[in-house]
Every structure is written in C-alpha cells, then in structure tokens.
Amino acid sequence: MTDANREHIFSTRRALLGDPLSTQVQAWMRPVYWEPPGKFPTAIAKTTLAGMVNVLEPIVKKEGKLTSALDRVSKFVSAPMGPQYVKAFEVVKRPESSLLGTFVSVVYARALLLLAASATEGVKIVSELKDILASPTTFVDKYMVAQGKLDEHFIGHLVNFAEIEAQLDPHFHKVLKHSAQLFVEAHRPSHDTRNPLADPKSHLHLLSGEDQSAWWRLPTSLAFAMTVWDQDA
C-alpha cells in the first residue's frame, strides 16, 4: 500500500465515520468481529444455510408473496448507489475486489456468525423455516418493515467501510476471504462454473432479478434478509 493509497483509505474512512449513517452500519457489522477466522462456521454454510436455500428455492417459484419479497430485497440491494460511494470504492478497493464480492462476503459472514451464535441447531432452523413458509405473510411483512428502516445509502456505506476494514484489519480480511470461499462452495451448483465474486468488474446489479438462473441471488438475498431481521429484533 503506497502512502497515497493509505491517505485515500484513511480520509474515506474518516468521512464514513463522520456520517450519521455510520451508527446504523456499525451496529449491523458488529457480529462480523465476534469469531476468529479459525473458528469460522464452515459446517453451517454447507448444511444450515444451504439447507435453507434448498427449502426456499422451489417455494419461491410458486408463492407470490415470497417472490415479491425476494424482488424487493434484490431491488434494494442492487439499486444504483450514490456516485460518491461508487467513486469512493474505486479509490479504496483492493485490486481483486468488486462491489458484489465485498457485499456478498460481508453479508454472508454476518449471517453465518449469527447462526453460529444461535442456540438452535441447524436441523431445527431448517425445520422452523419450513413452518414459516407454510404461512409467510406475517414474517414477510415484518421483514419489509425492518428493511424499510434502512437508509437508502446503507449498501453504499456498508460496502465501502467493509472494503476499508479488510485492508486495515487482517482479521476482517480473513473473515471476508473465507466467507466468499464458503459462499461459492456451499451454493454454486456443480454444473455452473460462474463465480462473479472472483471478477473485479462485478457490480451489485448482478443481484437483480434479470437473470433468473443466477445461483448467487437467492442465497445472498436470504443472508441479507436474515441480517436485517436480526438487527430489527
């Protein structure tokens, strides 16, 4: 890291911390600091979260309420960011980083660590999800209220702050790197070779509903919904 790059990173970090939105973003990010990378919950990614996605996938295609909710999550996440956040990310990003990769990594890490901190076992969590999906209206409505409390610039602020933290904190870097690896291992179908997290040009629009075959869309939306629901609780 050159002196010029370091100055850009610290000046951007100061600007983000000085923004009132920082309080909301910091509260959301706090669980990502809980566990050391060596104890990152690998099994939860490949069993619990993968199991939840498998349960959701066929139901989302049939249940209008869930389809609508998924679309609203995707639209919120993939909405164009303010130009100040796009410009800031290009200045502070690591060469291999992308908006999509950093976002998915930090969101998936938070979801995994929340599940790891839960007293409920993975099998029971998947079973509870099935019960929720049998009558999803109340739960979907509650989630939408929680999402509605997020600032419109939440995603832009979050992605920039996470990218900066990954460069300043070796622990945070390891967590995001491991999270991205687990996401691909747990959710990418064996027949699909695409991995947009590894492409520095990948933008958040890849989470929109335009590509119905995008394997990364549902697990990302589920992970984000879980983290937002938890923050509202």
Protein backbone atom coordinates (compact mmCIF):
# COMPACT_ATOMS: atom_id res chain seq x y z
CA MET A 1 0.00 0.00 0.00
CA THR A 2 1.52 3.31 -1.08
CA ASP A 3 1.42 6.42 1.09
CA ALA A 4 -1.08 7.98 -1.34
CA ASN A 5 -3.36 4.94 -1.17
CA ARG A 6 -3.12 4.87 2.61
CA GLU A 7 -4.15 8.52 2.80
CA HIS A 8 -7.15 7.89 0.50
CA ILE A 9 -8.22 4.96 2.66
CA PHE A 10 -7.97 6.86 5.95
CA SER A 11 -9.61 10.01 4.61
CA THR A 12 -12.51 7.95 3.21
CA ARG A 13 -12.80 6.08 6.50
CA ARG A 14 -12.96 9.36 8.42
CA ALA A 15 -15.69 10.61 6.09
CA LEU A 16 -17.71 7.44 6.57
CA LEU A 17 -17.34 7.52 10.36
CA GLY A 18 -18.39 11.16 10.39
CA ASP A 19 -21.59 10.35 8.53
CA PRO A 20 -24.63 9.85 10.83
CA LEU A 21 -25.37 6.68 8.84
CA SER A 22 -22.22 5.17 10.35
CA THR A 23 -24.16 4.32 13.53
CA GLN A 24 -26.58 2.07 11.62
CA VAL A 25 -23.82 0.43 9.59
CA GLN A 26 -21.61 -0.17 12.65
CA ALA A 27 -24.48 -1.80 14.53
CA TRP A 28 -25.08 -4.10 11.57
CA MET A 29 -21.39 -5.02 11.21
CA ARG A 30 -20.69 -5.72 14.88
CA PRO A 31 -21.25 -9.53 14.73
CA VAL A 32 -18.62 -9.88 11.99
CA TYR A 33 -15.99 -9.21 14.65
CA TRP A 34 -17.22 -11.90 17.04
CA GLU A 35 -15.39 -15.02 15.90
CA PRO A 36 -11.72 -15.58 14.95
CA PRO A 37 -11.29 -16.85 11.35
CA GLY A 38 -10.00 -20.22 12.57
CA LYS A 39 -13.41 -20.96 14.10
CA PHE A 40 -15.47 -19.68 11.21
CA PRO A 41 -18.64 -21.85 10.95
CA THR A 42 -17.88 -23.82 7.79
CA ALA A 43 -20.41 -26.55 8.54
CA ILE A 44 -23.22 -24.02 8.93
CA ALA A 45 -22.66 -22.75 5.40
CA LYS A 46 -22.75 -26.22 3.88
CA THR A 47 -25.63 -27.58 5.95
CA THR A 48 -27.88 -24.99 7.56
CA LEU A 49 -27.73 -22.16 5.02
CA ALA A 50 -27.52 -24.49 2.06
CA GLY A 51 -30.47 -26.41 3.50
CA MET A 52 -32.47 -23.21 3.89
CA VAL A 53 -31.80 -22.26 0.27
CA ASN A 54 -32.88 -25.72 -0.89
CA VAL A 55 -36.14 -25.35 1.01
CA LEU A 56 -36.75 -21.85 -0.32
CA GLU A 57 -35.93 -22.42 -3.98
CA PRO A 58 -38.97 -24.42 -5.10
CA ILE A 59 -41.39 -22.48 -2.89
CA VAL A 60 -40.27 -19.05 -4.10
CA LYS A 61 -41.22 -20.07 -7.63
CA LYS A 62 -44.80 -20.81 -6.54
CA GLU A 63 -45.53 -18.45 -3.65
CA GLY A 64 -46.37 -14.94 -4.87
CA LYS A 65 -45.73 -13.30 -1.50
CA LEU A 66 -42.23 -14.73 -1.32
CA THR A 67 -41.46 -13.90 -4.94
CA SER A 68 -42.48 -10.31 -4.33
CA ALA A 69 -40.38 -10.15 -1.15
CA LEU A 70 -37.34 -11.55 -2.94
CA ASP A 71 -37.74 -8.97 -5.70
CA ARG A 72 -37.92 -6.16 -3.15
CA VAL A 73 -34.77 -7.38 -1.41
CA SER A 74 -32.96 -7.59 -4.75
CA LYS A 75 -34.12 -4.15 -5.83
CA PHE A 76 -32.99 -2.58 -2.57
CA VAL A 77 -29.54 -4.18 -2.74
CA SER A 78 -28.96 -3.69 -6.46
CA ALA A 79 -30.31 -0.12 -6.69
CA PRO A 80 -27.75 2.31 -8.15
CA MET A 81 -25.51 3.64 -5.41
CA GLY A 82 -24.87 7.30 -4.93
CA PRO A 83 -21.99 8.45 -7.16
CA GLN A 84 -19.97 9.41 -4.09
CA TYR A 85 -19.95 5.78 -2.93
CA VAL A 86 -19.08 4.39 -6.36
CA LYS A 87 -16.19 6.85 -6.67
CA ALA A 88 -15.00 6.13 -3.14
CA PHE A 89 -14.98 2.38 -3.73
CA GLU A 90 -12.86 2.74 -6.86
CA VAL A 91 -10.35 4.76 -4.83
CA VAL A 92 -10.09 2.47 -1.79
CA LYS A 93 -10.67 -1.00 -3.29
CA ARG A 94 -8.11 -3.76 -3.43
CA PRO A 95 -7.16 -4.85 -6.99
CA GLU A 96 -9.13 -8.11 -6.76
CA SER A 97 -12.20 -6.63 -5.07
CA SER A 98 -15.59 -5.85 -6.57
CA LEU A 99 -18.73 -4.25 -5.21
CA LEU A 100 -20.55 -7.57 -5.48
CA GLY A 101 -17.73 -9.59 -3.94
CA THR A 102 -17.31 -7.33 -0.93
CA PHE A 103 -21.05 -7.05 -0.35
CA VAL A 104 -21.71 -10.79 -0.54
CA SER A 105 -18.68 -11.58 1.62
CA VAL A 106 -19.65 -9.30 4.50
CA VAL A 107 -23.35 -10.19 4.34
CA TYR A 108 -22.71 -13.92 4.25
CA ALA A 109 -20.18 -13.65 7.08
CA ARG A 110 -22.69 -11.86 9.28
CA ALA A 111 -25.42 -14.41 8.53
CA LEU A 112 -23.12 -17.33 9.33
CA LEU A 113 -21.91 -15.81 12.57
CA LEU A 114 -25.46 -15.03 13.69
CA LEU A 115 -26.39 -18.66 13.08
CA ALA A 116 -23.29 -19.82 14.93
CA ALA A 117 -24.32 -17.73 17.93
CA SER A 118 -27.83 -19.16 17.91
CA ALA A 119 -28.76 -21.79 20.46
CA THR A 120 -30.94 -23.50 17.86
CA GLU A 121 -29.40 -26.41 15.93
CA GLY A 122 -29.16 -26.33 12.16
CA VAL A 123 -31.75 -29.05 11.58
CA LYS A 124 -34.24 -27.19 13.77
CA ILE A 125 -33.58 -23.91 11.95
CA VAL A 126 -34.36 -25.53 8.60
CA SER A 127 -37.48 -27.10 10.11
CA GLU A 128 -38.59 -23.74 11.51
CA LEU A 129 -38.14 -22.19 8.08
CA LYS A 130 -40.50 -24.78 6.62
CA ASP A 131 -43.10 -23.82 9.24
CA ILE A 132 -42.66 -20.13 8.41
CA LEU A 133 -43.07 -20.78 4.70
CA ALA A 134 -46.34 -22.56 5.31
CA SER A 135 -47.80 -19.15 6.25
CA PRO A 136 -45.25 -16.48 5.28
CA THR A 137 -47.34 -13.30 5.25
CA THR A 138 -46.64 -12.15 8.81
CA PHE A 139 -42.93 -12.85 8.58
CA VAL A 140 -42.55 -11.21 5.16
CA ASP A 141 -44.41 -8.12 6.33
CA LYS A 142 -42.20 -7.86 9.42
CA TYR A 143 -39.09 -8.14 7.27
CA MET A 144 -40.29 -5.41 4.93
CA VAL A 145 -40.76 -3.09 7.91
CA ALA A 146 -37.19 -3.84 9.00
CA GLN A 147 -35.79 -3.24 5.53
CA GLY A 148 -37.75 -0.01 5.32
CA LYS A 149 -35.80 1.30 8.30
CA LEU A 150 -32.50 1.06 6.42
CA ASP A 151 -31.17 4.28 4.96
CA GLU A 152 -31.22 4.43 1.15
CA HIS A 153 -27.42 4.77 1.22
CA PHE A 154 -26.91 1.84 3.63
CA ILE A 155 -25.47 -0.50 0.98
CA GLY A 156 -23.01 2.04 -0.41
CA HIS A 157 -21.76 2.95 3.06
CA LEU A 158 -21.52 -0.70 4.12
CA VAL A 159 -19.55 -1.87 1.08
CA ASN A 160 -17.03 0.96 1.33
CA PHE A 161 -16.50 0.55 5.07
CA ALA A 162 -16.12 -3.24 4.76
CA GLU A 163 -13.59 -2.84 1.95
CA ILE A 164 -11.57 -0.40 4.04
CA GLU A 165 -11.70 -2.64 7.13
CA ALA A 166 -10.45 -5.57 5.06
CA GLN A 167 -7.29 -3.60 4.31
CA LEU A 168 -6.69 -2.25 7.80
CA ASP A 169 -7.62 -5.32 9.87
CA PRO A 170 -6.05 -8.73 8.99
CA HIS A 171 -8.80 -10.49 10.95
CA PHE A 172 -11.52 -8.80 8.93
CA HIS A 173 -9.69 -9.60 5.68
CA LYS A 174 -9.51 -13.30 6.60
CA VAL A 175 -13.19 -13.39 7.56
CA LEU A 176 -14.30 -11.88 4.24
CA LYS A 177 -11.99 -14.11 2.22
CA HIS A 178 -13.22 -17.24 3.98
CA SER A 179 -16.82 -16.13 3.69
CA ALA A 180 -16.53 -15.69 -0.09
CA GLN A 181 -14.98 -19.15 -0.44
CA LEU A 182 -17.70 -20.77 1.65
CA PHE A 183 -20.43 -18.99 -0.28
CA VAL A 184 -19.25 -20.45 -3.57
CA GLU A 185 -18.59 -23.92 -2.13
CA ALA A 186 -21.95 -24.13 -0.37
CA HIS A 187 -24.24 -22.72 -3.04
CA ARG A 188 -22.78 -22.92 -6.54
CA PRO A 189 -24.37 -25.81 -8.49
CA SER A 190 -21.91 -28.37 -9.79
CA HIS A 191 -22.98 -27.70 -13.37
CA ASP A 192 -22.43 -23.92 -13.18
CA THR A 193 -18.88 -22.59 -13.44
CA ARG A 194 -19.78 -18.93 -12.93
CA ASN A 195 -18.26 -17.13 -9.95
CA PRO A 196 -18.91 -13.39 -10.15
CA LEU A 197 -17.33 -12.90 -6.73
CA ALA A 198 -13.96 -13.52 -8.37
CA ASP A 199 -14.49 -10.88 -11.06
CA PRO A 200 -13.29 -7.35 -10.08
CA LYS A 201 -15.86 -5.91 -12.51
CA SER A 202 -18.89 -7.49 -10.81
CA HIS A 203 -21.42 -4.88 -9.73
CA LEU A 204 -24.46 -5.18 -7.47
CA HIS A 205 -26.81 -5.22 -10.47
CA LEU A 206 -25.96 -8.93 -10.73
CA LEU A 207 -28.24 -9.42 -7.72
CA SER A 208 -31.25 -8.03 -9.57
CA GLY A 209 -33.97 -10.33 -10.88
CA GLU A 210 -32.94 -10.03 -14.51
CA ASP A 211 -31.02 -13.32 -14.56
CA GLN A 212 -33.29 -15.98 -13.12
CA SER A 213 -30.53 -18.58 -13.45
CA ALA A 214 -28.13 -16.64 -11.22
CA TRP A 215 -27.29 -19.16 -8.49
CA TRP A 216 -25.92 -16.44 -6.17
CA ARG A 217 -29.12 -14.39 -6.00
CA LEU A 218 -31.22 -16.49 -3.60
CA PRO A 219 -28.50 -17.29 -1.01
CA THR A 220 -27.42 -13.64 -0.96
CA SER A 221 -31.00 -12.41 -0.53
CA LEU A 222 -31.62 -14.95 2.24
CA ALA A 223 -28.43 -14.00 4.07
CA PHE A 224 -29.19 -10.29 3.81
CA ALA A 225 -32.77 -10.79 4.98
CA MET A 226 -31.55 -12.74 7.99
CA THR A 227 -29.14 -9.98 8.99
CA VAL A 228 -31.71 -7.22 8.60
CA TRP A 229 -34.34 -9.21 10.51
CA ASP A 230 -31.84 -9.75 13.34
CA GLN A 231 -30.93 -6.07 13.57
CA ASP A 232 -34.59 -5.15 13.86
CA ALA A 233 -35.25 -7.74 16.57
